Structures are given as structure tokens and as C-alpha cells.
Amino acid sequence: QVQLVQSGGRLVQAGDSLTLSCAASGGTFSTYIMGWFRQAPGKEREFVARISWGGDNTVYADSVKGRFTISRDNAKNTVYLQMNSLRPEDTAVYYCAADPSGSWYSPDYGYWGQGTQVTVSS
């Protein structure tokens, strides 16, 4: 069974940058679509970004486009979320997820990380 372990969340100031990591084990990481989601206080979970098997295709939510970058290192079984120009409204618990199905336009994320807290102060 696939397990996803996240790290990198912390308290930062507005305008700072931060990189989140998600390390996978127990499966064939290089064949998985990987995604990032976040859940802000009082809000439902929302999509942030996703990346294809080989990293050639990416999709971003409008709220983070131009500021966040998703990437993956298949040799390390790890996906990253580089966050620049952070704003207080980016404050949320961030989750990584894995989809072994390969359905790019309709991913089914069967595996989830434990979440990591990102807090952006003003």
C-alpha cells in the first residue's frame, strides 16, 4: 500500500518562499499522477496543483498560478511544491495525494499524505 509522508510546513512572513515535500513509499511512484491540495480554516479542501507521471504536464489553480510550482523527482520518489510570494490567504493545511489510475483529466486520488501546516503571517 502506498504511503505518503509530508514535510516542510512552518510559520513564515508574507512575501516569503517555502517548499513542501512529499515522499512516497510502497508503490511505483513514477507511474502516479501527484497532486497538492489545501484546506484553510473554515473552508473545504481545494485543489492546488497536479503533475503527470513524467512531469511534462502540470495544472494549477488560478489562485496560485505564477506563484507556486509543482515538480517531482522520480529517482527520489518525491513531489515538491515550491511556494513563492506567500500571502496570508495561503494559510492552510497542505496535503499531497497520489493517483495510480493515470486519468489525467479526472484523477482519482486514492492515497493521501498526513498534511502539513503552512501559516503566513502579515
C-alpha atoms as a PDB file:
ATOM      1  CA  GLN A   1       0.000   0.000   0.000  1.00  0.00           C
ATOM      2  CA  VAL A   2       1.280   3.460  -0.904  1.00  0.00           C
ATOM      3  CA  GLN A   3       2.287   5.743   1.949  1.00  0.00           C
ATOM      4  CA  LEU A   4       2.919   9.475   1.587  1.00  0.00           C
ATOM      5  CA  VAL A   5       4.946  11.366   4.188  1.00  0.00           C
ATOM      6  CA  GLN A   6       4.983  15.160   4.062  1.00  0.00           C
ATOM      7  CA  SER A   7       7.382  17.744   5.453  1.00  0.00           C
ATOM      8  CA  GLY A   8       8.271  21.417   5.155  1.00  0.00           C
ATOM      9  CA  GLY A   9       5.319  23.280   6.644  1.00  0.00           C
ATOM     10  CA  ARG A  10       6.036  26.121   9.073  1.00  0.00           C
ATOM     11  CA  LEU A  11       5.250  29.696  10.053  1.00  0.00           C
ATOM     12  CA  VAL A  12       6.513  32.301   7.567  1.00  0.00           C
ATOM     13  CA  GLN A  13       6.071  36.001   6.843  1.00  0.00           C
ATOM     14  CA  ALA A  14       4.071  37.394   3.936  1.00  0.00           C
ATOM     15  CA  GLY A  15       6.246  37.546   0.833  1.00  0.00           C
ATOM     16  CA  ASP A  16       8.419  34.628   1.913  1.00  0.00           C
ATOM     17  CA  SER A  17       9.041  31.413  -0.002  1.00  0.00           C
ATOM     18  CA  LEU A  18       8.624  27.859   1.220  1.00  0.00           C
ATOM     19  CA  THR A  19       8.996  24.386  -0.290  1.00  0.00           C
ATOM     20  CA  LEU A  20       6.889  21.419   0.762  1.00  0.00           C
ATOM     21  CA  SER A  21       7.974  17.831   0.169  1.00  0.00           C
ATOM     22  CA  CYS A  22       6.042  14.586  -0.119  1.00  0.00           C
ATOM     23  CA  ALA A  23       7.952  11.295  -0.112  1.00  0.00           C
ATOM     24  CA  ALA A  24       6.240   8.124  -1.339  1.00  0.00           C
ATOM     25  CA  SER A  25       6.906   4.502  -0.496  1.00  0.00           C
ATOM     26  CA  GLY A  26       5.263   1.150  -1.148  1.00  0.00           C
ATOM     27  CA  GLY A  27       4.355   1.674  -4.806  1.00  0.00           C
ATOM     28  CA  THR A  28       5.530   2.624  -8.272  1.00  0.00           C
ATOM     29  CA  PHE A  29       5.822   6.379  -7.776  1.00  0.00           C
ATOM     30  CA  SER A  30       6.993   7.133 -11.299  1.00  0.00           C
ATOM     31  CA  THR A  31       3.635   5.999 -12.757  1.00  0.00           C
ATOM     32  CA  TYR A  32       1.448   8.083 -10.430  1.00  0.00           C
ATOM     33  CA  ILE A  33      -0.249  11.395 -11.032  1.00  0.00           C
ATOM     34  CA  MET A  34       0.619  13.510  -7.997  1.00  0.00           C
ATOM     35  CA  GLY A  35      -1.412  16.390  -6.638  1.00  0.00           C
ATOM     36  CA  TRP A  36      -1.351  19.040  -3.944  1.00  0.00           C
ATOM     37  CA  PHE A  37      -4.439  20.240  -2.087  1.00  0.00           C
ATOM     38  CA  ARG A  38      -5.030  22.605   0.798  1.00  0.00           C
ATOM     39  CA  GLN A  39      -7.686  23.255   3.394  1.00  0.00           C
ATOM     40  CA  ALA A  40      -7.923  26.668   5.028  1.00  0.00           C
ATOM     41  CA  PRO A  41      -9.691  27.253   8.356  1.00  0.00           C
ATOM     42  CA  GLY A  42     -13.442  27.033   7.886  1.00  0.00           C
ATOM     43  CA  LYS A  43     -13.098  26.093   4.211  1.00  0.00           C
ATOM     44  CA  GLU A  44     -13.405  22.904   2.204  1.00  0.00           C
ATOM     45  CA  ARG A  45     -10.378  21.229   0.704  1.00  0.00           C
ATOM     46  CA  GLU A  46      -9.349  22.802  -2.600  1.00  0.00           C
ATOM     47  CA  PHE A  47      -7.148  21.750  -5.470  1.00  0.00           C
ATOM     48  CA  VAL A  48      -3.771  23.476  -5.756  1.00  0.00           C
ATOM     49  CA  ALA A  49      -1.741  21.691  -8.457  1.00  0.00           C
ATOM     50  CA  ARG A  50      -1.068  18.346 -10.108  1.00  0.00           C
ATOM     51  CA  ILE A  51       1.710  16.844 -12.198  1.00  0.00           C
ATOM     52  CA  SER A  52       1.850  13.957 -14.666  1.00  0.00           C
ATOM     53  CA  TRP A  53       3.964  10.803 -14.491  1.00  0.00           C
ATOM     54  CA  GLY A  54       6.998  12.239 -16.243  1.00  0.00           C
ATOM     55  CA  GLY A  55       6.490  15.837 -15.122  1.00  0.00           C
ATOM     56  CA  ASP A  56       5.714  17.172 -18.620  1.00  0.00           C
ATOM     57  CA  ASN A  57       2.149  18.231 -17.793  1.00  0.00           C
ATOM     58  CA  THR A  58       1.048  20.431 -14.901  1.00  0.00           C
ATOM     59  CA  VAL A  59      -2.175  22.139 -13.841  1.00  0.00           C
ATOM     60  CA  TYR A  60      -2.535  24.931 -11.278  1.00  0.00           C
ATOM     61  CA  ALA A  61      -5.414  26.570  -9.511  1.00  0.00           C
ATOM     62  CA  ASP A  62      -5.878  30.192 -10.573  1.00  0.00           C
ATOM     63  CA  SER A  63      -5.214  31.359  -7.027  1.00  0.00           C
ATOM     64  CA  VAL A  64      -1.624  30.058  -7.099  1.00  0.00           C
ATOM     65  CA  LYS A  65      -0.729  30.274 -10.791  1.00  0.00           C
ATOM     66  CA  GLY A  66       2.518  32.160 -11.280  1.00  0.00           C
ATOM     67  CA  ARG A  67       3.489  31.845  -7.615  1.00  0.00           C
ATOM     68  CA  PHE A  68       3.584  28.093  -6.944  1.00  0.00           C
ATOM     69  CA  THR A  69       5.490  25.408  -8.837  1.00  0.00           C
ATOM     70  CA  ILE A  70       4.895  21.668  -8.606  1.00  0.00           C
ATOM     71  CA  SER A  71       7.748  19.332  -9.509  1.00  0.00           C
ATOM     72  CA  ARG A  72       8.799  15.746  -8.966  1.00  0.00           C
ATOM     73  CA  ASP A  73      11.976  13.725  -8.660  1.00  0.00           C
ATOM     74  CA  ASN A  74      11.104  10.145  -9.553  1.00  0.00           C
ATOM     75  CA  ALA A  75      14.558   8.909  -8.548  1.00  0.00           C
ATOM     76  CA  LYS A  76      13.773  10.102  -5.007  1.00  0.00           C
ATOM     77  CA  ASN A  77      10.066   9.165  -5.089  1.00  0.00           C
ATOM     78  CA  THR A  78       9.295  12.731  -4.049  1.00  0.00           C
ATOM     79  CA  VAL A  79       6.976  15.513  -5.206  1.00  0.00           C
ATOM     80  CA  TYR A  80       7.532  19.160  -4.250  1.00  0.00           C
ATOM     81  CA  LEU A  81       5.503  22.316  -4.021  1.00  0.00           C
ATOM     82  CA  GLN A  82       7.596  25.479  -4.286  1.00  0.00           C
ATOM     83  CA  MET A  83       5.611  28.427  -2.955  1.00  0.00           C
ATOM     84  CA  ASN A  84       6.743  31.994  -3.632  1.00  0.00           C
ATOM     85  CA  SER A  85       5.283  35.370  -2.667  1.00  0.00           C
ATOM     86  CA  LEU A  86       3.217  33.792   0.066  1.00  0.00           C
ATOM     87  CA  ARG A  87       0.128  35.622   1.288  1.00  0.00           C
ATOM     88  CA  PRO A  88      -1.901  35.274   4.480  1.00  0.00           C
ATOM     89  CA  GLU A  89      -4.705  33.719   2.430  1.00  0.00           C
ATOM     90  CA  ASP A  90      -2.338  30.852   1.590  1.00  0.00           C
ATOM     91  CA  THR A  91      -2.545  29.753   5.218  1.00  0.00           C
ATOM     92  CA  ALA A  92      -3.865  26.187   5.241  1.00  0.00           C
ATOM     93  CA  VAL A  93      -3.082  22.562   5.867  1.00  0.00           C
ATOM     94  CA  TYR A  94      -1.471  21.268   2.688  1.00  0.00           C
ATOM     95  CA  TYR A  95      -1.928  17.666   1.544  1.00  0.00           C
ATOM     96  CA  CYS A  96      -0.230  15.664  -1.169  1.00  0.00           C
ATOM     97  CA  ALA A  97      -2.087  12.873  -2.944  1.00  0.00           C
ATOM     98  CA  ALA A  98      -1.352  10.080  -5.409  1.00  0.00           C
ATOM     99  CA  ASP A  99      -3.465   8.706  -8.248  1.00  0.00           C
ATOM    100  CA  PRO A 100      -2.293   5.361  -9.667  1.00  0.00           C
ATOM    101  CA  SER A 101      -5.036   5.339 -12.346  1.00  0.00           C
ATOM    102  CA  GLY A 102      -3.451   7.627 -14.915  1.00  0.00           C
ATOM    103  CA  SER A 103      -6.683   9.552 -15.592  1.00  0.00           C
ATOM    104  CA  TRP A 104      -5.160  12.968 -16.168  1.00  0.00           C
ATOM    105  CA  TYR A 105      -8.384  14.961 -16.555  1.00  0.00           C
ATOM    106  CA  SER A 106     -10.305  13.043 -13.903  1.00  0.00           C
ATOM    107  CA  PRO A 107      -7.771  11.880 -11.330  1.00  0.00           C
ATOM    108  CA  ASP A 108      -8.857   9.580  -8.545  1.00  0.00           C
ATOM    109  CA  TYR A 109      -6.577  10.225  -5.593  1.00  0.00           C
ATOM    110  CA  GLY A 110      -6.559   7.011  -3.634  1.00  0.00           C
ATOM    111  CA  TYR A 111      -3.660   7.855  -1.323  1.00  0.00           C
ATOM    112  CA  TRP A 112      -3.115  10.923   0.844  1.00  0.00           C
ATOM    113  CA  GLY A 113      -0.362  12.356   2.988  1.00  0.00           C
ATOM    114  CA  GLN A 114      -0.864  13.325   6.610  1.00  0.00           C
ATOM    115  CA  GLY A 115      -0.944  17.056   5.901  1.00  0.00           C
ATOM    116  CA  THR A 116       1.417  19.836   6.913  1.00  0.00           C
ATOM    117  CA  GLN A 117       0.510  23.260   8.316  1.00  0.00           C
ATOM    118  CA  VAL A 118       1.588  26.394   6.461  1.00  0.00           C
ATOM    119  CA  THR A 119       0.911  29.653   8.275  1.00  0.00           C
ATOM    120  CA  VAL A 120       1.619  33.002   6.613  1.00  0.00           C
ATOM    121  CA  SER A 121       1.628  35.990   8.944  1.00  0.00           C
ATOM    122  CA  SER A 122       1.071  39.596   7.886  1.00  0.00           C
END
